[in-house]
N, C-alpha and C. Protein backbone atom coordinates (compact mmCIF):
# COMPACT_ATOMS: atom_id res chain seq x y z
N MET A 1 -9.78 72.25 -14.92
CA MET A 1 -10.91 71.50 -15.42
C MET A 1 -10.48 70.19 -16.06
N ALA A 2 -9.43 70.23 -16.87
CA ALA A 2 -8.95 69.03 -17.54
C ALA A 2 -8.39 68.03 -16.54
N ASN A 3 -7.74 68.57 -15.49
CA ASN A 3 -7.19 67.69 -14.47
C ASN A 3 -8.30 66.96 -13.72
N GLU A 4 -9.39 67.65 -13.44
CA GLU A 4 -10.53 67.03 -12.77
C GLU A 4 -11.16 65.94 -13.64
N LEU A 5 -11.21 66.21 -14.96
CA LEU A 5 -11.76 65.23 -15.88
C LEU A 5 -10.88 63.98 -15.94
N GLU A 6 -9.58 64.17 -15.92
CA GLU A 6 -8.66 63.02 -15.93
C GLU A 6 -8.79 62.21 -14.64
N GLN A 7 -8.95 62.89 -13.52
CA GLN A 7 -9.12 62.17 -12.26
C GLN A 7 -10.44 61.40 -12.26
N HIS A 8 -11.46 62.00 -12.82
CA HIS A 8 -12.76 61.33 -12.90
C HIS A 8 -12.68 60.10 -13.81
N LYS A 9 -11.99 60.24 -14.94
CA LYS A 9 -11.84 59.12 -15.86
C LYS A 9 -11.01 58.00 -15.24
N ALA A 10 -10.02 58.35 -14.43
CA ALA A 10 -9.19 57.32 -13.79
C ALA A 10 -9.99 56.52 -12.78
N LYS A 11 -10.97 57.15 -12.14
CA LYS A 11 -11.79 56.46 -11.14
C LYS A 11 -13.01 55.77 -11.73
N ASP A 12 -13.39 56.15 -12.93
CA ASP A 12 -14.62 55.64 -13.53
C ASP A 12 -14.43 54.21 -14.00
N PHE A 13 -15.43 53.41 -13.79
CA PHE A 13 -15.40 51.99 -14.15
C PHE A 13 -15.36 51.79 -15.66
N THR A 14 -16.07 52.61 -16.40
CA THR A 14 -16.21 52.39 -17.84
C THR A 14 -15.00 52.86 -18.64
N TYR A 15 -14.16 53.75 -18.09
CA TYR A 15 -13.02 54.26 -18.84
C TYR A 15 -11.79 53.38 -18.71
N SER A 16 -11.71 52.56 -17.71
CA SER A 16 -10.55 51.69 -17.52
C SER A 16 -10.94 50.25 -17.82
N TRP A 17 -10.65 49.79 -19.02
CA TRP A 17 -11.07 48.44 -19.41
C TRP A 17 -10.27 47.38 -18.69
N VAL A 18 -9.09 47.71 -18.22
CA VAL A 18 -8.28 46.73 -17.48
C VAL A 18 -8.95 46.42 -16.13
N ASN A 19 -9.30 47.47 -15.41
CA ASN A 19 -9.95 47.26 -14.11
C ASN A 19 -11.33 46.66 -14.27
N SER A 20 -12.07 47.13 -15.27
CA SER A 20 -13.43 46.61 -15.44
C SER A 20 -13.41 45.16 -15.90
N SER A 21 -12.48 44.78 -16.77
CA SER A 21 -12.44 43.39 -17.22
C SER A 21 -12.00 42.46 -16.09
N ARG A 22 -11.09 42.94 -15.25
CA ARG A 22 -10.66 42.14 -14.10
C ARG A 22 -11.83 41.95 -13.14
N PHE A 23 -12.57 43.02 -12.87
CA PHE A 23 -13.72 42.93 -11.98
C PHE A 23 -14.78 42.00 -12.56
N LEU A 24 -15.07 42.13 -13.84
CA LEU A 24 -16.08 41.27 -14.46
C LEU A 24 -15.63 39.81 -14.48
N PHE A 25 -14.34 39.56 -14.66
CA PHE A 25 -13.83 38.19 -14.63
C PHE A 25 -14.03 37.57 -13.25
N TYR A 26 -13.65 38.30 -12.21
CA TYR A 26 -13.81 37.76 -10.85
C TYR A 26 -15.27 37.63 -10.47
N LEU A 27 -16.12 38.53 -10.94
CA LEU A 27 -17.54 38.42 -10.71
C LEU A 27 -18.10 37.18 -11.39
N GLN A 28 -17.64 36.90 -12.61
CA GLN A 28 -18.09 35.72 -13.35
C GLN A 28 -17.63 34.44 -12.65
N VAL A 29 -16.40 34.41 -12.20
CA VAL A 29 -15.87 33.23 -11.50
C VAL A 29 -16.63 33.00 -10.20
N THR A 30 -16.93 34.07 -9.47
CA THR A 30 -17.67 33.95 -8.22
C THR A 30 -19.08 33.43 -8.45
N CYS A 31 -19.75 33.98 -9.46
CA CYS A 31 -21.12 33.53 -9.75
C CYS A 31 -21.14 32.08 -10.22
N LEU A 32 -20.19 31.70 -11.05
CA LEU A 32 -20.12 30.31 -11.52
C LEU A 32 -19.84 29.36 -10.35
N SER A 33 -18.93 29.75 -9.46
CA SER A 33 -18.64 28.91 -8.29
C SER A 33 -19.86 28.77 -7.39
N ALA A 34 -20.57 29.86 -7.17
CA ALA A 34 -21.77 29.80 -6.33
C ALA A 34 -22.83 28.92 -6.98
N PHE A 35 -22.99 29.03 -8.29
CA PHE A 35 -23.95 28.19 -9.00
C PHE A 35 -23.58 26.71 -8.90
N LEU A 36 -22.31 26.38 -9.09
CA LEU A 36 -21.88 24.98 -9.01
C LEU A 36 -22.03 24.42 -7.60
N LEU A 37 -21.68 25.21 -6.60
CA LEU A 37 -21.84 24.73 -5.22
C LEU A 37 -23.32 24.54 -4.88
N GLY A 38 -24.16 25.43 -5.34
CA GLY A 38 -25.59 25.29 -5.12
C GLY A 38 -26.16 24.07 -5.82
N ALA A 39 -25.70 23.81 -7.04
CA ALA A 39 -26.17 22.64 -7.78
C ALA A 39 -25.70 21.35 -7.11
N CYS A 40 -24.46 21.33 -6.64
CA CYS A 40 -23.96 20.14 -5.95
C CYS A 40 -24.72 19.89 -4.66
N TYR A 41 -25.02 20.95 -3.91
CA TYR A 41 -25.78 20.80 -2.68
C TYR A 41 -27.18 20.27 -2.98
N LYS A 42 -27.80 20.80 -4.03
CA LYS A 42 -29.16 20.36 -4.39
C LYS A 42 -29.15 18.88 -4.80
N LEU A 43 -28.14 18.48 -5.57
CA LEU A 43 -28.04 17.07 -5.96
C LEU A 43 -27.78 16.18 -4.74
N TYR A 44 -26.96 16.65 -3.80
CA TYR A 44 -26.70 15.87 -2.60
C TYR A 44 -27.96 15.76 -1.74
N HIS A 45 -28.70 16.83 -1.66
CA HIS A 45 -29.91 16.84 -0.85
C HIS A 45 -30.99 15.94 -1.44
N ALA A 46 -31.06 15.81 -2.75
CA ALA A 46 -32.09 15.01 -3.42
C ALA A 46 -31.52 13.69 -3.93
N ARG A 47 -30.50 13.18 -3.25
CA ARG A 47 -29.83 11.96 -3.74
C ARG A 47 -30.73 10.73 -3.58
N TYR A 48 -30.35 9.66 -4.26
CA TYR A 48 -31.07 8.39 -4.21
C TYR A 48 -30.80 7.72 -2.88
N LYS A 49 -31.83 7.40 -2.16
CA LYS A 49 -31.66 6.86 -0.81
C LYS A 49 -31.87 5.35 -0.74
N GLY A 50 -32.03 4.69 -1.86
CA GLY A 50 -32.17 3.25 -1.87
C GLY A 50 -33.56 2.83 -2.31
N ALA A 51 -33.66 1.58 -2.71
CA ALA A 51 -34.94 1.05 -3.18
C ALA A 51 -35.86 0.79 -1.99
N PRO A 52 -37.10 1.20 -2.09
CA PRO A 52 -38.03 0.93 -0.99
C PRO A 52 -38.48 -0.53 -1.02
N GLU A 53 -38.93 -1.01 0.11
CA GLU A 53 -39.48 -2.35 0.19
C GLU A 53 -40.88 -2.33 -0.39
N VAL A 54 -41.08 -3.11 -1.44
CA VAL A 54 -42.37 -3.15 -2.10
C VAL A 54 -42.93 -4.56 -1.95
N ALA A 55 -44.15 -4.65 -1.52
CA ALA A 55 -44.79 -5.96 -1.38
C ALA A 55 -45.28 -6.42 -2.75
N VAL A 56 -44.72 -7.55 -3.23
CA VAL A 56 -45.08 -8.08 -4.54
C VAL A 56 -46.01 -9.28 -4.33
N PRO A 57 -47.16 -9.27 -4.95
CA PRO A 57 -48.06 -10.43 -4.82
C PRO A 57 -47.40 -11.68 -5.39
N GLU A 58 -47.63 -12.81 -4.74
CA GLU A 58 -46.97 -14.05 -5.16
C GLU A 58 -47.45 -14.52 -6.53
N SER A 59 -48.63 -14.14 -6.95
CA SER A 59 -49.13 -14.60 -8.24
C SER A 59 -48.52 -13.82 -9.42
N THR A 60 -47.78 -12.73 -9.15
CA THR A 60 -47.19 -11.96 -10.23
C THR A 60 -45.68 -12.13 -10.33
N GLN A 61 -45.11 -13.03 -9.56
CA GLN A 61 -43.66 -13.26 -9.61
C GLN A 61 -43.28 -14.07 -10.84
N TYR A 62 -41.98 -14.22 -11.08
CA TYR A 62 -41.48 -14.93 -12.26
C TYR A 62 -41.93 -16.39 -12.23
N THR A 63 -41.82 -16.97 -11.07
CA THR A 63 -42.38 -18.32 -10.86
C THR A 63 -43.56 -18.16 -9.90
N PRO A 64 -44.77 -17.98 -10.41
CA PRO A 64 -45.92 -17.68 -9.53
C PRO A 64 -46.28 -18.85 -8.63
N LYS A 65 -46.79 -18.51 -7.48
CA LYS A 65 -47.26 -19.50 -6.52
C LYS A 65 -48.77 -19.34 -6.43
N TYR A 66 -49.48 -20.35 -6.82
CA TYR A 66 -50.94 -20.30 -6.79
C TYR A 66 -51.46 -21.05 -5.57
N LYS A 67 -52.63 -20.70 -5.16
CA LYS A 67 -53.24 -21.35 -4.03
C LYS A 67 -53.84 -22.68 -4.42
């Protein structure tokens, strides 16, 4: 019975803090990397594409031209 309990504890995630901390570290690194790649893709997709051509009336320019 004690041997079975020891084998169960060796395989259990919560009893081995070394294995669980390593797993949680790699999980955190993976999630952070996925988040950063997703954010970079979103910023690239919504990037500034240049100023549009806007028709400015001649009477509102710095030196207005009147008729």
